[in-house]
Amino acid sequence: YLGGTIVLVDTIYPKSIAEAISVHGVTCMMGLAPMYETMLELLEHK
């Protein structure tokens, strides 16, 4: 609708999500609470 960009990832592993945000400059994402939990755990180590 907006003429924006879609980033697709195969898996919902925290590393895949974090890399997609970092590489593509993702501004918006939709996820479940456990996804954000695991992302925070990942950010503690890298």
ModelCIF file with pLDDT and N, C-alpha, C, O atoms, coordinates in Angstrom:
data_MODEL
#
_entry.id   MODEL 
#
_entity.id                         1 
_entity.type                       polymer 
_entity.pdbx_number_of_molecules   1 
#
_entity_poly.entity_id                      1 
_entity_poly.type                           'polypeptide(L)' 
_entity_poly.nstd_linkage                   no 
_entity_poly.nstd_monomer                   no 
_entity_poly.pdbx_seq_one_letter_code       YLGGTIVLVDTIYPKSIAEAISVHGVTCMMGLAPMYETMLELLEHK 
_entity_poly.pdbx_seq_one_letter_code_can   YLGGTIVLVDTIYPKSIAEAISVHGVTCMMGLAPMYETMLELLEHK 
_entity_poly.pdbx_strand_id                 A 
#
loop_
_entity_poly_seq.entity_id 
_entity_poly_seq.num 
_entity_poly_seq.mon_id 
_entity_poly_seq.hetero 
1 1  TYR n 
1 2  LEU n 
1 3  GLY n 
1 4  GLY n 
1 5  THR n 
1 6  ILE n 
1 7  VAL n 
1 8  LEU n 
1 9  VAL n 
1 10 ASP n 
1 11 THR n 
1 12 ILE n 
1 13 TYR n 
1 14 PRO n 
1 15 LYS n 
1 16 SER n 
1 17 ILE n 
1 18 ALA n 
1 19 GLU n 
1 20 ALA n 
1 21 ILE n 
1 22 SER n 
1 23 VAL n 
1 24 HIS n 
1 25 GLY n 
1 26 VAL n 
1 27 THR n 
1 28 CYS n 
1 29 MET n 
1 30 MET n 
1 31 GLY n 
1 32 LEU n 
1 33 ALA n 
1 34 PRO n 
1 35 MET n 
1 36 TYR n 
1 37 GLU n 
1 38 THR n 
1 39 MET n 
1 40 LEU n 
1 41 GLU n 
1 42 LEU n 
1 43 LEU n 
1 44 GLU n 
1 45 HIS n 
1 46 LYS n 
#
_struct_asym.id          A 
_struct_asym.entity_id   1 
#
loop_
_ma_qa_metric.id 
_ma_qa_metric.mode 
_ma_qa_metric.name 
_ma_qa_metric.software_group_id 
_ma_qa_metric.type 
1 global pLDDT . pLDDT 
2 local  pLDDT . pLDDT 
#
_ma_qa_metric_global.metric_id      1 
_ma_qa_metric_global.metric_value   92.50 
_ma_qa_metric_global.model_id       1 
_ma_qa_metric_global.ordinal_id     1 
#
loop_
_ma_qa_metric_local.label_asym_id 
_ma_qa_metric_local.label_comp_id 
_ma_qa_metric_local.label_seq_id 
_ma_qa_metric_local.metric_id 
_ma_qa_metric_local.metric_value 
_ma_qa_metric_local.model_id 
_ma_qa_metric_local.ordinal_id 
A TYR 1  2 98.00 1 1  
A LEU 2  2 97.00 1 2  
A GLY 3  2 97.00 1 3  
A GLY 4  2 97.00 1 4  
A THR 5  2 98.00 1 5  
A ILE 6  2 97.00 1 6  
A VAL 7  2 97.00 1 7  
A LEU 8  2 95.00 1 8  
A VAL 9  2 93.00 1 9  
A ASP 10 2 86.00 1 10 
A THR 11 2 84.00 1 11 
A ILE 12 2 82.00 1 12 
A TYR 13 2 87.00 1 13 
A PRO 14 2 90.00 1 14 
A LYS 15 2 93.00 1 15 
A SER 16 2 93.00 1 16 
A ILE 17 2 94.00 1 17 
A ALA 18 2 95.00 1 18 
A GLU 19 2 95.00 1 19 
A ALA 20 2 96.00 1 20 
A ILE 21 2 97.00 1 21 
A SER 22 2 96.00 1 22 
A VAL 23 2 96.00 1 23 
A HIS 24 2 97.00 1 24 
A GLY 25 2 97.00 1 25 
A VAL 26 2 97.00 1 26 
A THR 27 2 98.00 1 27 
A CYS 28 2 97.00 1 28 
A MET 29 2 95.00 1 29 
A MET 30 2 91.00 1 30 
A GLY 31 2 87.00 1 31 
A LEU 32 2 84.00 1 32 
A ALA 33 2 85.00 1 33 
A PRO 34 2 81.00 1 34 
A MET 35 2 87.00 1 35 
A TYR 36 2 91.00 1 36 
A GLU 37 2 88.00 1 37 
A THR 38 2 89.00 1 38 
A MET 39 2 93.00 1 39 
A LEU 40 2 94.00 1 40 
A GLU 41 2 91.00 1 41 
A LEU 42 2 94.00 1 42 
A LEU 43 2 93.00 1 43 
A GLU 44 2 91.00 1 44 
A HIS 45 2 90.00 1 45 
A LYS 46 2 92.00 1 46 
#
loop_
_atom_site.group_PDB 
_atom_site.id 
_atom_site.type_symbol 
_atom_site.label_atom_id 
_atom_site.label_alt_id 
_atom_site.label_comp_id 
_atom_site.label_asym_id 
_atom_site.label_entity_id 
_atom_site.label_seq_id 
_atom_site.pdbx_PDB_ins_code 
_atom_site.Cartn_x 
_atom_site.Cartn_y 
_atom_site.Cartn_z 
_atom_site.occupancy 
_atom_site.B_iso_or_equiv 
_atom_site.pdbx_formal_charge 
_atom_site.auth_seq_id 
_atom_site.auth_comp_id 
_atom_site.auth_asym_id 
_atom_site.auth_atom_id 
_atom_site.pdbx_PDB_model_num 
ATOM 1   N N  . TYR A 1 1  ? 0.830  -1.208  0.000  1.00 98.00 ? 1  TYR A N  1 
ATOM 2   C CA . TYR A 1 1  ? 0.000  0.000   0.000  1.00 98.00 ? 1  TYR A CA 1 
ATOM 3   C C  . TYR A 1 1  ? 0.867  1.262   0.000  1.00 98.00 ? 1  TYR A C  1 
ATOM 4   O O  . TYR A 1 1  ? 0.557  2.234   -0.688 1.00 98.00 ? 1  TYR A O  1 
ATOM 5   N N  . LEU A 1 2  ? 1.944  1.238   0.770  1.00 97.00 ? 2  LEU A N  1 
ATOM 6   C CA . LEU A 1 2  ? 2.778  2.424   0.939  1.00 97.00 ? 2  LEU A CA 1 
ATOM 7   C C  . LEU A 1 2  ? 3.858  2.572   -0.131 1.00 97.00 ? 2  LEU A C  1 
ATOM 8   O O  . LEU A 1 2  ? 4.442  3.645   -0.282 1.00 97.00 ? 2  LEU A O  1 
ATOM 9   N N  . GLY A 1 3  ? 4.122  1.496   -0.871 1.00 97.00 ? 3  GLY A N  1 
ATOM 10  C CA . GLY A 1 3  ? 5.263  1.513   -1.774 1.00 97.00 ? 3  GLY A CA 1 
ATOM 11  C C  . GLY A 1 3  ? 6.563  1.337   -1.011 1.00 97.00 ? 3  GLY A C  1 
ATOM 12  O O  . GLY A 1 3  ? 7.607  1.851   -1.415 1.00 97.00 ? 3  GLY A O  1 
ATOM 13  N N  . GLY A 1 4  ? 6.494  0.605   0.099  1.00 97.00 ? 4  GLY A N  1 
ATOM 14  C CA . GLY A 1 4  ? 7.674  0.355   0.920  1.00 97.00 ? 4  GLY A CA 1 
ATOM 15  C C  . GLY A 1 4  ? 8.385  -0.920  0.490  1.00 97.00 ? 4  GLY A C  1 
ATOM 16  O O  . GLY A 1 4  ? 8.121  -1.459  -0.585 1.00 97.00 ? 4  GLY A O  1 
ATOM 17  N N  . THR A 1 5  ? 9.291  -1.396  1.342  1.00 98.00 ? 5  THR A N  1 
ATOM 18  C CA . THR A 1 5  ? 10.102 -2.568  1.030  1.00 98.00 ? 5  THR A CA 1 
ATOM 19  C C  . THR A 1 5  ? 9.817  -3.698  2.007  1.00 98.00 ? 5  THR A C  1 
ATOM 20  O O  . THR A 1 5  ? 9.680  -3.477  3.210  1.00 98.00 ? 5  THR A O  1 
ATOM 21  N N  . ILE A 1 6  ? 9.730  -4.913  1.470  1.00 97.00 ? 6  ILE A N  1 
ATOM 22  C CA . ILE A 1 6  ? 9.488  -6.120  2.263  1.00 97.00 ? 6  ILE A CA 1 
ATOM 23  C C  . ILE A 1 6  ? 10.800 -6.871  2.396  1.00 97.00 ? 6  ILE A C  1 
ATOM 24  O O  . ILE A 1 6  ? 11.479 -7.115  1.398  1.00 97.00 ? 6  ILE A O  1 
ATOM 25  N N  . VAL A 1 7  ? 11.165 -7.241  3.618  1.00 97.00 ? 7  VAL A N  1 
ATOM 26  C CA . VAL A 1 7  ? 12.333 -8.094  3.850  1.00 97.00 ? 7  VAL A CA 1 
ATOM 27  C C  . VAL A 1 7  ? 11.823 -9.461  4.300  1.00 97.00 ? 7  VAL A C  1 
ATOM 28  O O  . VAL A 1 7  ? 11.068 -9.564  5.267  1.00 97.00 ? 7  VAL A O  1 
ATOM 29  N N  . LEU A 1 8  ? 12.240 -10.500 3.594  1.00 95.00 ? 8  LEU A N  1 
ATOM 30  C CA . LEU A 1 8  ? 11.817 -11.857 3.921  1.00 95.00 ? 8  LEU A CA 1 
ATOM 31  C C  . LEU A 1 8  ? 12.975 -12.639 4.529  1.00 95.00 ? 8  LEU A C  1 
ATOM 32  O O  . LEU A 1 8  ? 14.108 -12.554 4.056  1.00 95.00 ? 8  LEU A O  1 
ATOM 33  N N  . VAL A 1 9  ? 12.680 -13.402 5.582  1.00 93.00 ? 9  VAL A N  1 
ATOM 34  C CA . VAL A 1 9  ? 13.665 -14.304 6.179  1.00 93.00 ? 9  VAL A CA 1 
ATOM 35  C C  . VAL A 1 9  ? 13.068 -15.698 6.255  1.00 93.00 ? 9  VAL A C  1 
ATOM 36  O O  . VAL A 1 9  ? 11.864 -15.860 6.448  1.00 93.00 ? 9  VAL A O  1 
ATOM 37  N N  . ASP A 1 10 ? 13.931 -16.713 6.100  1.00 86.00 ? 10 ASP A N  1 
ATOM 38  C CA . ASP A 1 10 ? 13.462 -18.106 6.122  1.00 86.00 ? 10 ASP A CA 1 
ATOM 39  C C  . ASP A 1 10 ? 13.018 -18.539 7.508  1.00 86.00 ? 10 ASP A C  1 
ATOM 40  O O  . ASP A 1 10 ? 11.997 -19.207 7.670  1.00 86.00 ? 10 ASP A O  1 
ATOM 41  N N  . THR A 1 11 ? 13.805 -18.145 8.508  1.00 84.00 ? 11 THR A N  1 
ATOM 42  C CA . THR A 1 11 ? 13.580 -18.638 9.857  1.00 84.00 ? 11 THR A CA 1 
ATOM 43  C C  . THR A 1 11 ? 13.322 -17.488 10.810 1.00 84.00 ? 11 THR A C  1 
ATOM 44  O O  . THR A 1 11 ? 13.568 -16.326 10.485 1.00 84.00 ? 11 THR A O  1 
ATOM 45  N N  . ILE A 1 12 ? 12.821 -17.824 11.991 1.00 82.00 ? 12 ILE A N  1 
ATOM 46  C CA . ILE A 1 12 ? 12.587 -16.797 13.012 1.00 82.00 ? 12 ILE A CA 1 
ATOM 47  C C  . ILE A 1 12 ? 13.583 -16.952 14.158 1.00 82.00 ? 12 ILE A C  1 
ATOM 48  O O  . ILE A 1 12 ? 13.289 -16.604 15.301 1.00 82.00 ? 12 ILE A O  1 
ATOM 49  N N  . TYR A 1 13 ? 14.762 -17.478 13.837 1.00 87.00 ? 13 TYR A N  1 
ATOM 50  C CA . TYR A 1 13 ? 15.832 -17.514 14.829 1.00 87.00 ? 13 TYR A CA 1 
ATOM 51  C C  . TYR A 1 13 ? 16.277 -16.089 15.131 1.00 87.00 ? 13 TYR A C  1 
ATOM 52  O O  . TYR A 1 13 ? 16.287 -15.247 14.233 1.00 87.00 ? 13 TYR A O  1 
ATOM 53  N N  . PRO A 1 14 ? 16.647 -15.801 16.384 1.00 90.00 ? 14 PRO A N  1 
ATOM 54  C CA . PRO A 1 14 ? 17.015 -14.424 16.742 1.00 90.00 ? 14 PRO A CA 1 
ATOM 55  C C  . PRO A 1 14 ? 18.168 -13.873 15.913 1.00 90.00 ? 14 PRO A C  1 
ATOM 56  O O  . PRO A 1 14 ? 18.178 -12.690 15.573 1.00 90.00 ? 14 PRO A O  1 
ATOM 57  N N  . LYS A 1 15 ? 19.148 -14.731 15.581 1.00 93.00 ? 15 LYS A N  1 
ATOM 58  C CA . LYS A 1 15 ? 20.263 -14.260 14.771 1.00 93.00 ? 15 LYS A CA 1 
ATOM 59  C C  . LYS A 1 15 ? 19.800 -13.822 13.384 1.00 93.00 ? 15 LYS A C  1 
ATOM 60  O O  . LYS A 1 15 ? 20.246 -12.792 12.878 1.00 93.00 ? 15 LYS A O  1 
ATOM 61  N N  . SER A 1 16 ? 18.896 -14.607 12.761 1.00 93.00 ? 16 SER A N  1 
ATOM 62  C CA . SER A 1 16 ? 18.375 -14.255 11.437 1.00 93.00 ? 16 SER A CA 1 
ATOM 63  C C  . SER A 1 16 ? 17.638 -12.923 11.482 1.00 93.00 ? 16 SER A C  1 
ATOM 64  O O  . SER A 1 16 ? 17.784 -12.091 10.586 1.00 93.00 ? 16 SER A O  1 
ATOM 65  N N  . ILE A 1 17 ? 16.839 -12.726 12.541 1.00 94.00 ? 17 ILE A N  1 
ATOM 66  C CA . ILE A 1 17 ? 16.066 -11.493 12.679 1.00 94.00 ? 17 ILE A CA 1 
ATOM 67  C C  . ILE A 1 17 ? 16.999 -10.301 12.882 1.00 94.00 ? 17 ILE A C  1 
ATOM 68  O O  . ILE A 1 17 ? 16.851 -9.278  12.215 1.00 94.00 ? 17 ILE A O  1 
ATOM 69  N N  . ALA A 1 18 ? 17.964 -10.431 13.807 1.00 95.00 ? 18 ALA A N  1 
ATOM 70  C CA . ALA A 1 18 ? 18.886 -9.327  14.093 1.00 95.00 ? 18 ALA A CA 1 
ATOM 71  C C  . ALA A 1 18 ? 19.720 -8.969  12.870 1.00 95.00 ? 18 ALA A C  1 
ATOM 72  O O  . ALA A 1 18 ? 19.947 -7.790  12.598 1.00 95.00 ? 18 ALA A O  1 
ATOM 73  N N  . GLU A 1 19 ? 20.177 -9.977  12.130 1.00 95.00 ? 19 GLU A N  1 
ATOM 74  C CA . GLU A 1 19 ? 20.974 -9.719  10.929 1.00 95.00 ? 19 GLU A CA 1 
ATOM 75  C C  . GLU A 1 19 ? 20.136 -9.021  9.859  1.00 95.00 ? 19 GLU A C  1 
ATOM 76  O O  . GLU A 1 19 ? 20.623 -8.124  9.172  1.00 95.00 ? 19 GLU A O  1 
ATOM 77  N N  . ALA A 1 20 ? 18.875 -9.435  9.720  1.00 96.00 ? 20 ALA A N  1 
ATOM 78  C CA . ALA A 1 20 ? 18.002 -8.800  8.721  1.00 96.00 ? 20 ALA A CA 1 
ATOM 79  C C  . ALA A 1 20 ? 17.778 -7.325  9.050  1.00 96.00 ? 20 ALA A C  1 
ATOM 80  O O  . ALA A 1 20 ? 17.812 -6.474  8.161  1.00 96.00 ? 20 ALA A O  1 
ATOM 81  N N  . ILE A 1 21 ? 17.549 -7.027  10.326 1.00 97.00 ? 21 ILE A N  1 
ATOM 82  C CA . ILE A 1 21 ? 17.351 -5.635  10.738 1.00 97.00 ? 21 ILE A CA 1 
ATOM 83  C C  . ILE A 1 21 ? 18.603 -4.825  10.454 1.00 97.00 ? 21 ILE A C  1 
ATOM 84  O O  . ILE A 1 21 ? 18.535 -3.718  9.920  1.00 97.00 ? 21 ILE A O  1 
ATOM 85  N N  . SER A 1 22 ? 19.740 -5.387  10.815 1.00 96.00 ? 22 SER A N  1 
ATOM 86  C CA . SER A 1 22 ? 21.007 -4.679  10.657 1.00 96.00 ? 22 SER A CA 1 
ATOM 87  C C  . SER A 1 22 ? 21.380 -4.463  9.191  1.00 96.00 ? 22 SER A C  1 
ATOM 88  O O  . SER A 1 22 ? 21.777 -3.365  8.804  1.00 96.00 ? 22 SER A O  1 
ATOM 89  N N  . VAL A 1 23 ? 21.253 -5.514  8.378  1.00 96.00 ? 23 VAL A N  1 
ATOM 90  C CA . VAL A 1 23 ? 21.678 -5.447  6.972  1.00 96.00 ? 23 VAL A CA 1 
ATOM 91  C C  . VAL A 1 23 ? 20.752 -4.577  6.129  1.00 96.00 ? 23 VAL A C  1 
ATOM 92  O O  . VAL A 1 23 ? 21.208 -3.798  5.291  1.00 96.00 ? 23 VAL A O  1 
ATOM 93  N N  . HIS A 1 24 ? 19.443 -4.718  6.359  1.00 97.00 ? 24 HIS A N  1 
ATOM 94  C CA . HIS A 1 24 ? 18.468 -4.047  5.488  1.00 97.00 ? 24 HIS A CA 1 
ATOM 95  C C  . HIS A 1 24 ? 17.907 -2.749  6.073  1.00 97.00 ? 24 HIS A C  1 
ATOM 96  O O  . HIS A 1 24 ? 17.116 -2.071  5.418  1.00 97.00 ? 24 HIS A O  1 
ATOM 97  N N  . GLY A 1 25 ? 18.302 -2.402  7.283  1.00 97.00 ? 25 GLY A N  1 
ATOM 98  C CA . GLY A 1 25 ? 17.774 -1.180  7.885  1.00 97.00 ? 25 GLY A CA 1 
ATOM 99  C C  . GLY A 1 25 ? 16.284 -1.270  8.161  1.00 97.00 ? 25 GLY A C  1 
ATOM 100 O O  . GLY A 1 25 ? 15.537 -0.321  7.922  1.00 97.00 ? 25 GLY A O  1 
ATOM 101 N N  . VAL A 1 26 ? 15.856 -2.426  8.670  1.00 97.00 ? 26 VAL A N  1 
ATOM 102 C CA . VAL A 1 26 ? 14.429 -2.642  8.949  1.00 97.00 ? 26 VAL A CA 1 
ATOM 103 C C  . VAL A 1 26 ? 13.928 -1.606  9.955  1.00 97.00 ? 26 VAL A C  1 
ATOM 104 O O  . VAL A 1 26 ? 14.578 -1.343  10.967 1.00 97.00 ? 26 VAL A O  1 
ATOM 105 N N  . THR A 1 27 ? 12.773 -1.029  9.666  1.00 98.00 ? 27 THR A N  1 
ATOM 106 C CA . THR A 1 27 ? 12.179 -0.039  10.568 1.00 98.00 ? 27 THR A CA 1 
ATOM 107 C C  . THR A 1 27 ? 10.954 -0.571  11.299 1.00 98.00 ? 27 THR A C  1 
ATOM 108 O O  . THR A 1 27 ? 10.629 -0.094  12.387 1.00 98.00 ? 27 THR A O  1 
ATOM 109 N N  . CYS A 1 28 ? 10.260 -1.569  10.706 1.00 97.00 ? 28 CYS A N  1 
ATOM 110 C CA . CYS A 1 28 ? 9.028  -2.095  11.290 1.00 97.00 ? 28 CYS A CA 1 
ATOM 111 C C  . CYS A 1 28 ? 9.076  -3.613  11.300 1.00 97.00 ? 28 CYS A C  1 
ATOM 112 O O  . CYS A 1 28 ? 9.487  -4.237  10.321 1.00 97.00 ? 28 CYS A O  1 
ATOM 113 N N  . MET A 1 29 ? 8.657  -4.202  12.408 1.00 95.00 ? 29 MET A N  1 
ATOM 114 C CA . MET A 1 29 ? 8.577  -5.658  12.452 1.00 95.00 ? 29 MET A CA 1 
ATOM 115 C C  . MET A 1 29 ? 7.404  -6.088  13.310 1.00 95.00 ? 29 MET A C  1 
ATOM 116 O O  . MET A 1 29 ? 7.008  -5.390  14.243 1.00 95.00 ? 29 MET A O  1 
ATOM 117 N N  . MET A 1 30 ? 6.859  -7.241  12.982 1.00 91.00 ? 30 MET A N  1 
ATOM 118 C CA . MET A 1 30 ? 5.779  -7.841  13.768 1.00 91.00 ? 30 MET A CA 1 
ATOM 119 C C  . MET A 1 30 ? 6.264  -9.188  14.271 1.00 91.00 ? 30 MET A C  1 
ATOM 120 O O  . MET A 1 30 ? 6.737  -10.017 13.494 1.00 91.00 ? 30 MET A O  1 
ATOM 121 N N  . GLY A 1 31 ? 6.145  -9.401  15.577 1.00 87.00 ? 31 GLY A N  1 
ATOM 122 C CA . GLY A 1 31 ? 6.575  -10.665 16.147 1.00 87.00 ? 31 GLY A CA 1 
ATOM 123 C C  . GLY A 1 31 ? 5.764  -11.020 17.376 1.00 87.00 ? 31 GLY A C  1 
ATOM 124 O O  . GLY A 1 31 ? 4.858  -10.288 17.773 1.00 87.00 ? 31 GLY A O  1 
ATOM 125 N N  . LEU A 1 32 ? 6.100  -12.146 17.970 1.00 84.00 ? 32 LEU A N  1 
ATOM 126 C CA . LEU A 1 32 ? 5.503  -12.566 19.226 1.00 84.00 ? 32 LEU A CA 1 
ATOM 127 C C  . LEU A 1 32 ? 6.471  -12.255 20.363 1.00 84.00 ? 32 LEU A C  1 
ATOM 128 O O  . LEU A 1 32 ? 7.672  -12.090 20.149 1.00 84.00 ? 32 LEU A O  1 
ATOM 129 N N  . ALA A 1 33 ? 5.930  -12.180 21.566 1.00 85.00 ? 33 ALA A N  1 
ATOM 130 C CA . ALA A 1 33 ? 6.765  -11.850 22.722 1.00 85.00 ? 33 ALA A CA 1 
ATOM 131 C C  . ALA A 1 33 ? 8.003  -12.739 22.846 1.00 85.00 ? 33 ALA A C  1 
ATOM 132 O O  . ALA A 1 33 ? 9.084  -12.220 23.124 1.00 85.00 ? 33 ALA A O  1 
ATOM 133 N N  . PRO A 1 34 ? 7.892  -14.071 22.649 1.00 81.00 ? 34 PRO A N  1 
ATOM 134 C CA . PRO A 1 34 ? 9.100  -14.909 22.779 1.00 81.00 ? 34 PRO A CA 1 
ATOM 135 C C  . PRO A 1 34 ? 10.208 -14.546 21.790 1.00 81.00 ? 34 PRO A C  1 
ATOM 136 O O  . PRO A 1 34 ? 11.388 -14.730 22.089 1.00 81.00 ? 34 PRO A O  1 
ATOM 137 N N  . MET A 1 35 ? 9.834  -14.031 20.608 1.00 87.00 ? 35 MET A N  1 
ATOM 138 C CA . MET A 1 35 ? 10.854 -13.614 19.645 1.00 87.00 ? 35 MET A CA 1 
ATOM 139 C C  . MET A 1 35 ? 11.689 -12.471 20.201 1.00 87.00 ? 35 MET A C  1 
ATOM 140 O O  . MET A 1 35 ? 12.911 -12.449 20.052 1.00 87.00 ? 35 MET A O  1 
ATOM 141 N N  . TYR A 1 36 ? 11.012 -11.520 20.847 1.00 91.00 ? 36 TYR A N  1 
ATOM 142 C CA . TYR A 1 36 ? 11.726 -10.382 21.428 1.00 91.00 ? 36 TYR A CA 1 
ATOM 143 C C  . TYR A 1 36 ? 12.562 -10.822 22.630 1.00 91.00 ? 36 TYR A C  1 
ATOM 144 O O  . TYR A 1 36 ? 13.646 -10.289 22.868 1.00 91.00 ? 36 TYR A O  1 
ATOM 145 N N  . GLU A 1 37 ? 12.053 -11.790 23.378 1.00 88.00 ? 37 GLU A N  1 
ATOM 146 C CA . GLU A 1 37 ? 12.823 -12.348 24.504 1.00 88.00 ? 37 GLU A CA 1 
ATOM 147 C C  . GLU A 1 37 ? 14.141 -12.930 24.002 1.00 88.00 ? 37 GLU A C  1 
ATOM 148 O O  . GLU A 1 37 ? 15.202 -12.637 24.552 1.00 88.00 ? 37 GLU A O  1 
ATOM 149 N N  . THR A 1 38 ? 14.073 -13.755 22.958 1.00 89.00 ? 38 THR A N  1 
ATOM 150 C CA . THR A 1 38 ? 15.284 -14.409 22.451 1.00 89.00 ? 38 THR A CA 1 
ATOM 151 C C  . THR A 1 38 ? 16.229 -13.407 21.785 1.00 89.00 ? 38 THR A C  1 
ATOM 152 O O  . THR A 1 38 ? 17.445 -13.595 21.795 1.00 89.00 ? 38 THR A O  1 
ATOM 153 N N  . MET A 1 39 ? 15.665 -12.340 21.206 1.00 93.00 ? 39 MET A N  1 
ATOM 154 C CA . MET A 1 39 ? 16.525 -11.296 20.643 1.00 93.00 ? 39 MET A CA 1 
ATOM 155 C C  . MET A 1 39 ? 17.343 -10.630 21.741 1.00 93.00 ? 39 MET A C  1 
ATOM 156 O O  . MET A 1 39 ? 18.535 -10.375 21.569 1.00 93.00 ? 39 MET A O  1 
ATOM 157 N N  . LEU A 1 40 ? 16.694 -10.347 22.876 1.00 94.00 ? 40 LEU A N  1 
ATOM 158 C CA . LEU A 1 40 ? 17.416 -9.726  23.992 1.00 94.00 ? 40 LEU A CA 1 
ATOM 159 C C  . LEU A 1 40 ? 18.510 -10.653 24.516 1.00 94.00 ? 40 LEU A C  1 
ATOM 160 O O  . LEU A 1 40 ? 19.600 -10.199 24.865 1.00 94.00 ? 40 LEU A O  1 
ATOM 161 N N  . GLU A 1 41 ? 18.218 -11.939 24.568 1.00 91.00 ? 41 GLU A N  1 
ATOM 162 C CA . GLU A 1 41 ? 19.234 -12.904 25.002 1.00 91.00 ? 41 GLU A CA 1 
ATOM 163 C C  . GLU A 1 41 ? 20.430 -12.885 24.046 1.00 91.00 ? 41 GLU A C  1 
ATOM 164 O O  . GLU A 1 41 ? 21.582 -12.939 24.476 1.00 91.00 ? 41 GLU A O  1 
ATOM 165 N N  . LEU A 1 42 ? 20.136 -12.806 22.733 1.00 94.00 ? 42 LEU A N  1 
ATOM 166 C CA . LEU A 1 42 ? 21.207 -12.753 21.742 1.00 94.00 ? 42 LEU A CA 1 
ATOM 167 C C  . LEU A 1 42 ? 22.053 -11.495 21.917 1.00 94.00 ? 42 LEU A C  1 
ATOM 168 O O  . LEU A 1 42 ? 23.279 -11.548 21.825 1.00 94.00 ? 42 LEU A O  1 
ATOM 169 N N  . LEU A 1 43 ? 21.395 -10.364 22.168 1.00 93.00 ? 43 LEU A N  1 
ATOM 170 C CA . LEU A 1 43 ? 22.108 -9.094  22.285 1.00 93.00 ? 43 LEU A CA 1 
ATOM 171 C C  . LEU A 1 43 ? 23.008 -9.030  23.512 1.00 93.00 ? 43 LEU A C  1 
ATOM 172 O O  . LEU A 1 43 ? 23.890 -8.176  23.599 1.00 93.00 ? 43 LEU A O  1 
ATOM 173 N N  . GLU A 1 44 ? 22.782 -9.938  24.458 1.00 91.00 ? 44 GLU A N  1 
ATOM 174 C CA . GLU A 1 44 ? 23.667 -10.008 25.622 1.00 91.00 ? 44 GLU A CA 1 
ATOM 175 C C  . GLU A 1 44 ? 25.039 -10.564 25.233 1.00 91.00 ? 44 GLU A C  1 
ATOM 176 O O  . GLU A 1 44 ? 26.025 -10.331 25.932 1.00 91.00 ? 44 GLU A O  1 
ATOM 177 N N  . HIS A 1 45 ? 25.099 -11.293 24.125 1.00 90.00 ? 45 HIS A N  1 
ATOM 178 C CA . HIS A 1 45 ? 26.341 -11.962 23.734 1.00 90.00 ? 45 HIS A CA 1 
ATOM 179 C C  . HIS A 1 45 ? 26.982 -11.379 22.473 1.00 90.00 ? 45 HIS A C  1 
ATOM 180 O O  . HIS A 1 45 ? 28.175 -11.568 22.235 1.00 90.00 ? 45 HIS A O  1 
ATOM 181 N N  . LYS A 1 46 ? 26.191 -10.674 21.672 1.00 92.00 ? 46 LYS A N  1 
ATOM 182 C CA . LYS A 1 46 ? 26.745 -10.122 20.437 1.00 92.00 ? 46 LYS A CA 1 
ATOM 183 C C  . LYS A 1 46 ? 26.025 -8.833  20.078 1.00 92.00 ? 46 LYS A C  1 
ATOM 184 O O  . LYS A 1 46 ? 26.345 -8.209  19.066 1.00 92.00 ? 46 LYS A O  1 
#
